[in-house]
C-alpha atoms as a PDB file:
ATOM      1  CA  MET A   1       5.008   4.063   9.000  1.00  0.00           C
ATOM      2  CA  PRO A   2       7.045   3.068  12.099  1.00  0.00           C
ATOM      3  CA  PHE A   3       7.083   5.361  15.092  1.00  0.00           C
ATOM      4  CA  PRO A   4      10.386   6.624  16.429  1.00  0.00           C
ATOM      5  CA  ASN A   5      11.494   4.843  19.567  1.00  0.00           C
ATOM      6  CA  PRO A   6      10.892   7.250  22.480  1.00  0.00           C
ATOM      7  CA  THR A   7      13.153   5.218  24.793  1.00  0.00           C
ATOM      8  CA  PRO A   8      16.870   5.952  24.560  1.00  0.00           C
ATOM      9  CA  GLY A   9      19.188   3.028  23.962  1.00  0.00           C
ATOM     10  CA  LEU A  10      20.769   1.367  26.973  1.00  0.00           C
ATOM     11  CA  VAL A  11      24.246   1.210  25.428  1.00  0.00           C
ATOM     12  CA  PRO A  12      25.967   4.587  25.188  1.00  0.00           C
ATOM     13  CA  HIS A  13      27.446   5.511  21.818  1.00  0.00           C
ATOM     14  CA  PHE A  14      31.128   6.394  22.208  1.00  0.00           C
ATOM     15  CA  ASP A  15      32.756   7.085  18.876  1.00  0.00           C
ATOM     16  CA  VAL A  16      36.312   7.601  20.068  1.00  0.00           C
ATOM     17  CA  THR A  17      39.641   6.049  19.203  1.00  0.00           C
ATOM     18  CA  VAL A  18      41.457   4.711  22.247  1.00  0.00           C
ATOM     19  CA  HIS A  19      45.234   4.172  22.397  1.00  0.00           C
ATOM     20  CA  ILE A  20      46.692   1.769  24.962  1.00  0.00           C
ATOM     21  CA  VAL A  21      50.302   0.838  25.654  1.00  0.00           C
ATOM     22  CA  LEU A  22      51.599  -2.684  26.237  1.00  0.00           C
ATOM     23  CA  ASP A  23      54.364  -2.368  28.826  1.00  0.00           C
ATOM     24  CA  ASP A  24      56.864  -5.097  29.755  1.00  0.00           C
ATOM     25  CA  TYR A  25      57.774  -5.577  33.419  1.00  0.00           C
ATOM     26  CA  GLY A  26      60.200  -8.436  32.835  1.00  0.00           C
ATOM     27  CA  LYS A  27      59.544 -11.384  35.139  1.00  0.00           C
ATOM     28  CA  ALA A  28      56.341  -9.738  36.367  1.00  0.00           C
ATOM     29  CA  GLY A  29      54.959  -9.931  32.799  1.00  0.00           C
ATOM     30  CA  ARG A  30      53.420  -7.640  30.232  1.00  0.00           C
ATOM     31  CA  VAL A  31      50.368  -5.503  30.854  1.00  0.00           C
ATOM     32  CA  TYR A  32      48.267  -3.010  28.969  1.00  0.00           C
ATOM     33  CA  ARG A  33      48.722   0.014  31.190  1.00  0.00           C
ATOM     34  CA  GLU A  34      45.698   1.254  33.066  1.00  0.00           C
ATOM     35  CA  THR A  35      44.953   4.740  31.782  1.00  0.00           C
ATOM     36  CA  ALA A  36      42.403   7.418  32.567  1.00  0.00           C
ATOM     37  CA  GLU A  37      39.830   7.788  29.802  1.00  0.00           C
ATOM     38  CA  GLU A  38      40.985  11.292  28.875  1.00  0.00           C
ATOM     39  CA  ASP A  39      44.595  10.084  28.511  1.00  0.00           C
ATOM     40  CA  THR A  40      43.975   7.555  25.738  1.00  0.00           C
ATOM     41  CA  THR A  41      44.522   9.936  22.825  1.00  0.00           C
ATOM     42  CA  VAL A  42      47.537   9.557  20.582  1.00  0.00           C
ATOM     43  CA  GLY A  43      48.778  12.923  21.859  1.00  0.00           C
ATOM     44  CA  SER A  44      48.667  11.768  25.473  1.00  0.00           C
ATOM     45  CA  VAL A  45      50.517   8.551  24.644  1.00  0.00           C
ATOM     46  CA  VAL A  46      53.207  10.497  22.754  1.00  0.00           C
ATOM     47  CA  ASP A  47      53.567  12.943  25.668  1.00  0.00           C
ATOM     48  CA  ASP A  48      53.961  10.021  28.072  1.00  0.00           C
ATOM     49  CA  LEU A  49      56.617   8.458  25.846  1.00  0.00           C
ATOM     50  CA  LEU A  50      58.515  11.734  25.663  1.00  0.00           C
ATOM     51  CA  THR A  51      58.540  12.062  29.443  1.00  0.00           C
ATOM     52  CA  GLY A  52      59.338   8.412  30.223  1.00  0.00           C
ATOM     53  CA  GLN A  53      56.078   7.380  31.868  1.00  0.00           C
ATOM     54  CA  PHE A  54      56.397   3.743  30.803  1.00  0.00           C
ATOM     55  CA  ASN A  55      58.723   0.965  31.921  1.00  0.00           C
ATOM     56  CA  ASN A  56      59.568  -0.870  28.697  1.00  0.00           C
ATOM     57  CA  GLN A  57      56.844  -0.244  26.159  1.00  0.00           C
ATOM     58  CA  VAL A  58      56.389  -2.961  23.552  1.00  0.00           C
ATOM     59  CA  ARG A  59      53.554  -1.700  21.380  1.00  0.00           C
ATOM     60  CA  VAL A  60      50.693   0.747  21.121  1.00  0.00           C
ATOM     61  CA  VAL A  61      47.279  -0.516  20.073  1.00  0.00           C
ATOM     62  CA  ALA A  62      44.450   1.730  18.904  1.00  0.00           C
ATOM     63  CA  PHE A  63      40.803   0.715  18.701  1.00  0.00           C
ATOM     64  CA  ASN A  64      37.420   2.229  18.051  1.00  0.00           C
ATOM     65  CA  THR A  65      34.528   0.019  19.115  1.00  0.00           C
ATOM     66  CA  SER A  66      31.913   2.187  17.377  1.00  0.00           C
ATOM     67  CA  GLU A  67      33.703   1.737  14.064  1.00  0.00           C
ATOM     68  CA  GLY A  68      34.594  -1.897  14.821  1.00  0.00           C
ATOM     69  CA  TRP A  69      38.368  -1.849  14.309  1.00  0.00           C
ATOM     70  CA  SER A  70      41.654  -2.218  16.149  1.00  0.00           C
ATOM     71  CA  ARG A  71      45.288  -2.152  15.001  1.00  0.00           C
ATOM     72  CA  ASP A  72      48.887  -1.875  16.086  1.00  0.00           C
ATOM     73  CA  VAL A  73      49.879   1.784  15.702  1.00  0.00           C
ATOM     74  CA  SER A  74      53.352   1.491  17.228  1.00  0.00           C
ATOM     75  CA  GLU A  75      55.194   2.715  14.147  1.00  0.00           C
ATOM     76  CA  ASP A  76      52.868   5.712  13.733  1.00  0.00           C
ATOM     77  CA  VAL A  77      53.318   6.651  17.394  1.00  0.00           C
ATOM     78  CA  ALA A  78      57.114   6.236  17.231  1.00  0.00           C
ATOM     79  CA  ARG A  79      57.249   8.487  14.163  1.00  0.00           C
ATOM     80  CA  GLU A  80      55.159  11.111  15.970  1.00  0.00           C
ATOM     81  CA  VAL A  81      57.579  10.962  18.915  1.00  0.00           C
ATOM     82  CA  VAL A  82      60.497  11.551  16.521  1.00  0.00           C
ATOM     83  CA  ARG A  83      58.632  14.430  14.862  1.00  0.00           C
ATOM     84  CA  ARG A  84      58.039  16.103  18.227  1.00  0.00           C
ATOM     85  CA  VAL A  85      61.641  15.583  19.309  1.00  0.00           C
ATOM     86  CA  ALA A  86      62.832  17.285  16.113  1.00  0.00           C
ATOM     87  CA  GLU A  87      60.265  20.069  16.300  1.00  0.00           C
ATOM     88  CA  SER A  88      60.790  21.048  19.913  1.00  0.00           C
ATOM     89  CA  SER A  89      64.367  19.952  20.575  1.00  0.00           C
ATOM     90  CA  ARG A  90      62.983  17.974  23.512  1.00  0.00           C
ATOM     91  CA  PRO A  91      65.134  15.101  24.664  1.00  0.00           C
ATOM     92  CA  LEU A  92      63.689  11.614  24.350  1.00  0.00           C
ATOM     93  CA  ALA A  93      63.309   9.823  27.676  1.00  0.00           C
ATOM     94  CA  ALA A  94      65.819   6.993  27.998  1.00  0.00           C
ATOM     95  CA  SER A  95      63.037   4.517  28.792  1.00  0.00           C
ATOM     96  CA  SER A  96      61.362   5.280  25.445  1.00  0.00           C
ATOM     97  CA  ARG A  97      64.446   5.076  23.230  1.00  0.00           C
ATOM     98  CA  LYS A  98      64.305   1.289  22.708  1.00  0.00           C
ATOM     99  CA  PHE A  99      60.643   1.478  21.688  1.00  0.00           C
ATOM    100  CA  VAL A 100      61.269   4.265  19.179  1.00  0.00           C
ATOM    101  CA  GLU A 101      64.363   2.557  17.751  1.00  0.00           C
ATOM    102  CA  THR A 102      62.299  -0.609  17.179  1.00  0.00           C
ATOM    103  CA  TYR A 103      60.030   1.244  14.748  1.00  0.00           C
ATOM    104  CA  VAL A 104      62.147   4.131  13.431  1.00  0.00           C
ATOM    105  CA  ASP A 105      65.596   4.052  11.854  1.00  0.00           C
ATOM    106  CA  GLU A 106      68.299   5.033  14.362  1.00  0.00           C
ATOM    107  CA  ALA A 107      69.742   7.581  11.909  1.00  0.00           C
ATOM    108  CA  GLU A 108      66.337   9.283  11.651  1.00  0.00           C
ATOM    109  CA  LEU A 109      66.120   9.505  15.430  1.00  0.00           C
ATOM    110  CA  SER A 110      69.658  10.864  15.643  1.00  0.00           C
ATOM    111  CA  ARG A 111      68.832  13.586  13.085  1.00  0.00           C
ATOM    112  CA  ALA A 112      65.713  14.500  15.059  1.00  0.00           C
ATOM    113  CA  GLU A 113      67.790  14.879  18.188  1.00  0.00           C
ATOM    114  CA  GLY A 114      70.195  17.171  16.371  1.00  0.00           C
ATOM    115  CA  GLY A 115      72.961  14.608  16.036  1.00  0.00           C
ATOM    116  CA  VAL A 116      74.872  13.602  12.952  1.00  0.00           C
ATOM    117  CA  ALA A 117      73.743  10.366  11.337  1.00  0.00           C
END
């Protein structure tokens, strides 16, 4: 019968899903924006899109190293932005409009904003 290992592992176990935004700065290039650890939730990214915290966002990538996966979640995030715009009657920041329109039908966005499609 093996004995339990009394020494804790050296690698911490973080089972969290991280969301990062690829932002385009034109001639300066594209970068995944540096973000505080607590601001990598989908909710934080959506809030930042609603308030125009990005320059020209291209995509949102989510990953979870504990579970061993990563994927482009841009469409999911854009749809959540539209849902929040419709729910709260919040205006969409001009800098986020192009990103949302890339992944969501313009008529759907217009309806969310209270316009006529």
